[in-house]
Protein backbone atom coordinates (compact mmCIF):
# COMPACT_ATOMS: atom_id res chain seq x y z
CA MET A 1 -40.27 35.00 -7.63
CA LYS A 2 -38.93 32.42 -10.07
CA SER A 3 -38.07 28.87 -8.98
CA ARG A 4 -34.36 29.51 -9.40
CA GLU A 5 -34.52 32.59 -7.22
CA ARG A 6 -36.46 30.76 -4.52
CA ILE A 7 -33.89 27.97 -4.42
CA LEU A 8 -30.99 30.43 -4.21
CA LYS A 9 -32.78 32.37 -1.48
CA ARG A 10 -33.26 29.25 0.62
CA LEU A 11 -29.62 28.25 0.15
CA HIS A 12 -28.49 31.74 1.14
CA GLU A 13 -30.64 31.66 4.29
CA ARG A 14 -29.19 28.31 5.33
CA ARG A 15 -25.58 29.36 4.74
CA GLY A 16 -23.49 28.97 7.86
CA ALA A 17 -26.00 26.76 9.63
CA ALA A 18 -23.86 23.64 9.67
CA LEU A 19 -25.63 20.44 10.56
CA PRO A 20 -24.21 18.48 13.50
CA MET A 21 -22.15 15.43 12.62
CA PRO A 22 -23.91 12.17 13.42
CA GLU A 23 -22.44 9.91 16.05
CA LEU A 24 -20.16 7.38 14.38
CA ASP A 25 -20.54 3.77 15.42
CA PHE A 26 -18.28 1.22 13.74
CA SER A 27 -19.11 -1.59 16.15
CA VAL A 28 -21.22 -3.43 13.58
CA LEU A 29 -18.18 -3.53 11.27
CA THR A 30 -15.74 -4.80 13.88
CA GLU A 31 -17.91 -7.16 15.91
CA GLY A 32 -16.55 -10.69 16.07
CA ARG A 33 -13.13 -9.70 14.76
CA ASN A 34 -11.15 -9.65 17.99
CA TRP A 35 -8.32 -11.62 16.45
CA SER A 36 -4.91 -12.07 18.02
CA ASN A 37 -1.85 -10.70 16.22
CA ALA A 38 -1.04 -14.18 14.94
CA GLU A 39 -4.59 -14.64 13.65
CA LYS A 40 -4.53 -11.25 11.92
CA LEU A 41 -1.27 -12.11 10.17
CA ASP A 42 -2.57 -15.51 9.09
CA ARG A 43 -5.81 -14.03 7.78
CA PHE A 44 -4.00 -11.22 5.95
CA GLN A 45 -1.67 -13.70 4.26
CA GLU A 46 -4.47 -16.09 3.32
CA THR A 47 -6.61 -13.32 1.86
CA ILE A 48 -3.94 -11.54 -0.16
CA GLU A 49 -2.52 -14.83 -1.48
CA SER A 50 -6.01 -15.77 -2.70
CA VAL A 51 -5.70 -12.94 -5.26
CA HIS A 52 -2.15 -13.81 -6.37
CA GLY A 53 -0.26 -11.73 -3.82
CA GLU A 54 2.85 -13.22 -2.19
CA VAL A 55 3.83 -13.00 1.47
CA HIS A 56 7.21 -13.69 3.08
CA ARG A 57 7.67 -13.60 6.86
CA ALA A 58 11.05 -12.49 8.13
CA PRO A 59 12.60 -11.75 11.54
CA ALA A 60 13.50 -8.09 11.99
CA ASP A 61 17.21 -8.74 11.41
CA GLN A 62 16.76 -10.91 8.31
CA TRP A 63 14.37 -9.03 6.00
CA LEU A 64 17.25 -7.85 3.80
CA ASP A 65 18.19 -11.49 3.18
CA THR A 66 14.60 -12.15 2.16
CA LEU A 67 14.62 -9.13 -0.16
CA VAL A 68 17.83 -10.28 -1.86
CA ALA A 69 16.44 -13.79 -2.36
CA ILE A 70 13.24 -12.40 -3.91
CA LEU A 71 15.15 -10.19 -6.34
CA LYS A 72 17.60 -12.95 -7.30
CA ALA A 73 14.77 -15.40 -7.99
CA ARG A 74 13.34 -12.91 -10.50
CA ASN A 75 16.68 -11.86 -12.02
CA ALA A 76 15.89 -8.25 -11.20
CA ARG A 77 18.47 -5.90 -12.68
CA ASN A 78 17.58 -2.98 -10.44
CA LEU A 79 15.46 -1.87 -7.51
CA LEU A 80 13.77 1.50 -7.08
CA THR A 81 13.97 2.67 -3.46
CA PRO A 82 12.82 5.71 -1.44
CA ARG A 83 15.51 8.36 -1.17
CA ARG A 84 14.87 9.80 2.32
CA HIS A 85 12.78 7.13 4.07
CA SER A 86 14.66 4.89 6.49
CA LEU A 87 13.73 1.91 4.33
CA GLY A 88 15.74 3.22 1.39
CA LYS A 89 18.60 4.37 3.59
CA THR A 90 18.86 0.95 5.25
CA ILE A 91 19.07 -0.79 1.87
CA ARG A 92 21.65 1.61 0.44
CA GLU A 93 23.80 1.71 3.58
CA SER A 94 23.81 -2.09 4.00
CA GLY A 95 26.79 -2.31 1.64
CA ARG A 96 25.57 -5.62 0.29
CA SER A 97 27.16 -6.67 -2.98
CA ASP A 98 24.38 -9.14 -3.77
CA LEU A 99 21.79 -6.41 -4.33
CA PRO A 100 20.99 -5.28 -7.88
CA THR A 101 21.56 -1.70 -9.02
CA LEU A 102 19.76 0.64 -6.62
CA LEU A 103 17.73 3.50 -8.05
CA SER A 104 16.06 6.45 -6.32
CA TYR A 105 13.04 8.53 -7.25
CA ASP A 106 15.14 11.69 -7.32
CA GLN A 107 13.85 13.66 -10.28
CA PRO A 108 10.51 14.87 -11.72
CA ILE A 109 8.53 12.18 -13.51
CA GLU A 110 8.67 14.17 -16.78
CA ALA A 111 12.45 13.74 -16.84
CA TRP A 112 12.53 9.97 -16.65
CA GLN A 113 9.06 8.64 -17.43
CA PRO A 114 10.25 6.33 -20.25
CA ALA A 115 12.88 4.76 -17.96
CA LEU A 116 10.44 4.35 -15.07
CA PHE A 117 7.91 2.52 -17.22
CA ASN A 118 10.31 0.52 -19.34
CA ASP A 119 13.59 -0.03 -17.49
CA VAL A 120 12.78 -0.38 -13.77
CA ASP A 121 12.34 -4.03 -12.81
CA ALA A 122 11.17 -3.67 -9.19
CA ALA A 123 10.33 -1.08 -6.57
CA ILE A 124 10.11 -1.33 -2.80
CA THR A 125 7.90 0.87 -0.63
CA SER A 126 7.05 1.20 3.02
CA THR A 127 3.50 0.74 4.29
CA ARG A 128 1.33 2.32 6.98
CA GLY A 129 -0.06 -1.08 7.89
CA ALA A 130 -2.46 -3.69 6.58
CA ILE A 131 -6.05 -4.88 6.97
CA ALA A 132 -6.49 -8.55 7.83
CA GLU A 133 -10.17 -8.77 6.89
CA THR A 134 -9.63 -7.75 3.26
CA GLY A 135 -5.96 -8.62 2.74
CA SER A 136 -5.12 -4.99 1.94
CA LEU A 137 -1.96 -2.92 2.36
CA ILE A 138 -2.23 0.72 3.45
CA LEU A 139 0.07 3.10 1.57
CA TRP A 140 0.37 6.86 2.03
CA PRO A 141 2.23 8.09 -1.07
CA GLY A 142 4.27 11.28 -0.84
CA PRO A 143 7.15 13.08 -2.56
CA ASP A 144 9.66 10.45 -1.37
CA GLU A 145 7.44 7.49 -2.30
CA PRO A 146 5.16 8.68 -5.11
CA ARG A 147 2.14 6.69 -6.16
CA LEU A 148 3.90 5.56 -9.33
CA MET A 149 6.41 3.56 -7.30
CA SER A 150 3.67 1.04 -6.52
CA LEU A 151 1.98 1.27 -9.93
CA ALA A 152 4.61 1.44 -12.68
CA PRO A 153 7.32 -1.24 -12.08
CA PRO A 154 6.28 -4.84 -12.86
CA ILE A 155 7.26 -5.98 -9.35
CA HIS A 156 6.05 -4.10 -6.27
CA ILE A 157 7.65 -5.17 -3.00
CA ALA A 158 6.09 -3.79 0.18
CA LEU A 159 7.64 -3.85 3.64
CA LEU A 160 5.07 -4.42 6.39
CA GLU A 161 5.66 -4.40 10.14
CA ALA A 162 3.99 -7.43 11.75
CA ASP A 163 2.54 -5.35 14.59
CA CYS A 164 0.84 -2.94 12.16
CA ILE A 165 -1.80 -5.36 10.89
CA PHE A 166 -5.32 -4.29 11.86
CA ALA A 167 -8.39 -6.48 11.90
CA THR A 168 -10.58 -4.06 9.94
CA PHE A 169 -10.38 -0.75 8.09
CA PRO A 170 -12.32 1.13 10.84
CA GLU A 171 -9.79 -0.16 13.39
CA ALA A 172 -6.95 1.22 11.27
CA LEU A 173 -8.72 4.58 10.88
CA THR A 174 -9.14 4.89 14.63
CA ALA A 175 -5.73 3.58 15.70
CA GLN A 176 -3.85 5.82 13.25
CA GLY A 177 -5.98 8.91 13.81
CA TRP A 178 -7.02 9.42 10.20
CA GLY A 179 -9.75 11.82 11.33
CA SER A 180 -7.19 14.42 12.41
CA ALA A 181 -4.41 13.65 9.94
CA MET A 182 -6.03 12.51 6.72
CA PRO A 183 -3.48 12.13 3.92
CA THR A 184 -3.98 13.84 0.58
CA ASN A 185 -3.58 10.47 -1.09
CA ALA A 186 -4.10 7.04 0.46
CA LEU A 187 -3.91 3.68 -1.31
CA LEU A 188 -5.41 0.34 -0.32
CA VAL A 189 -3.59 -2.36 -2.29
CA SER A 190 -5.13 -5.82 -2.37
CA GLY A 191 -2.97 -7.85 -4.74
CA PRO A 192 -1.34 -7.27 -8.14
CA SER A 193 -3.24 -5.32 -10.78
CA LYS A 194 -6.16 -7.13 -12.39
CA THR A 195 -8.94 -6.51 -14.89
CA ALA A 196 -11.90 -8.31 -16.41
CA ASP A 197 -12.29 -5.92 -19.35
CA ILE A 198 -11.51 -8.58 -21.95
CA GLU A 199 -14.47 -10.95 -22.36
CA GLN A 200 -15.09 -10.67 -18.60
CA THR A 201 -12.15 -12.98 -17.95
CA LEU A 202 -10.10 -11.99 -14.90
CA ALA A 203 -6.48 -11.33 -15.83
CA TYR A 204 -3.66 -10.22 -13.54
CA GLY A 205 -0.83 -7.78 -14.17
CA VAL A 206 -2.44 -5.89 -17.04
CA HIS A 207 -2.61 -2.25 -15.92
CA GLY A 208 0.10 -2.25 -13.26
CA PRO A 209 2.44 -4.53 -11.29
CA LYS A 210 2.41 -8.15 -12.35
CA GLU A 211 3.56 -9.15 -8.88
CA LEU A 212 2.84 -7.86 -5.39
CA ILE A 213 5.26 -9.23 -2.80
CA VAL A 214 4.90 -8.42 0.89
CA ILE A 215 7.76 -8.88 3.36
CA VAL A 216 6.32 -9.01 6.86
CA VAL A 217 9.04 -7.83 9.25
CA GLY A 218 9.08 -9.14 12.81
CA ALA A 219 7.24 -12.37 12.01
CA SER A 220 8.53 -15.90 12.27
CA ALA A 221 9.22 -17.49 8.90
CA ALA A 222 6.40 -19.67 7.64
C-alpha cells in the first residue's frame, strides 16, 4: 500500500470520531480586571484616544446635540445613516434643521460606489459594545449597516451605550453569547485606520477613515 493510500485509509477510519472539546478557561485573561463601569469607561477612553480616536460622553437625551456639534465642527455636508436601525430612524425623525443632508445605504454598492468613496463625508453606525482593555469597539455589520459604512467615509462616528463596555474580549464573548450566535462578520475597531508601510513610519487615515469618533450614550460629559 502506497503512503498516500495509507494516509487516506487512516483518515477514512477516523471519520465521524469527533474529538471532545477541551474545557475553556478564560480566567487567566480576565483576572485582575474587575473594574467598575466608571473604570471601564475611563480605560476605554484612555486607550482609544492613545491611538488618535476621539470620545464624547453624552447623557441619553443629549447625544443628538453632541452629534450635531461634531458634524458642524468638521463642516460635514452629509451623514450616512442606517435605514432600518433605530439609530438611523431616531436621527431622521428628529426633524432637526441643523443636521447635514442625511443619506441611507439603500442600494447595492455597485450602483453608488463612486459616490460612497468620494462624496460621503461621514457615517454613523451602532455598536454591539466595547472592550475597555484594548480600547476596541465591537461592530456586527449586516445588510442595514454594511462593513463599508465604517471603512469608506473619512469620518466614522460610532454610538456606544455606556453600559455595554466590557472589561475584556472574553467577557464580551460570554455576556453576549457569541458561542451560540456567532455573526458571519464581526469587526473590532481600535482607532482610525493606520499603516506603517511607508518607511515603517506610522501614519493614520491612509486606508480608511481619517477619524474615529465615539459618542458614549448614558455617560456624564467629561
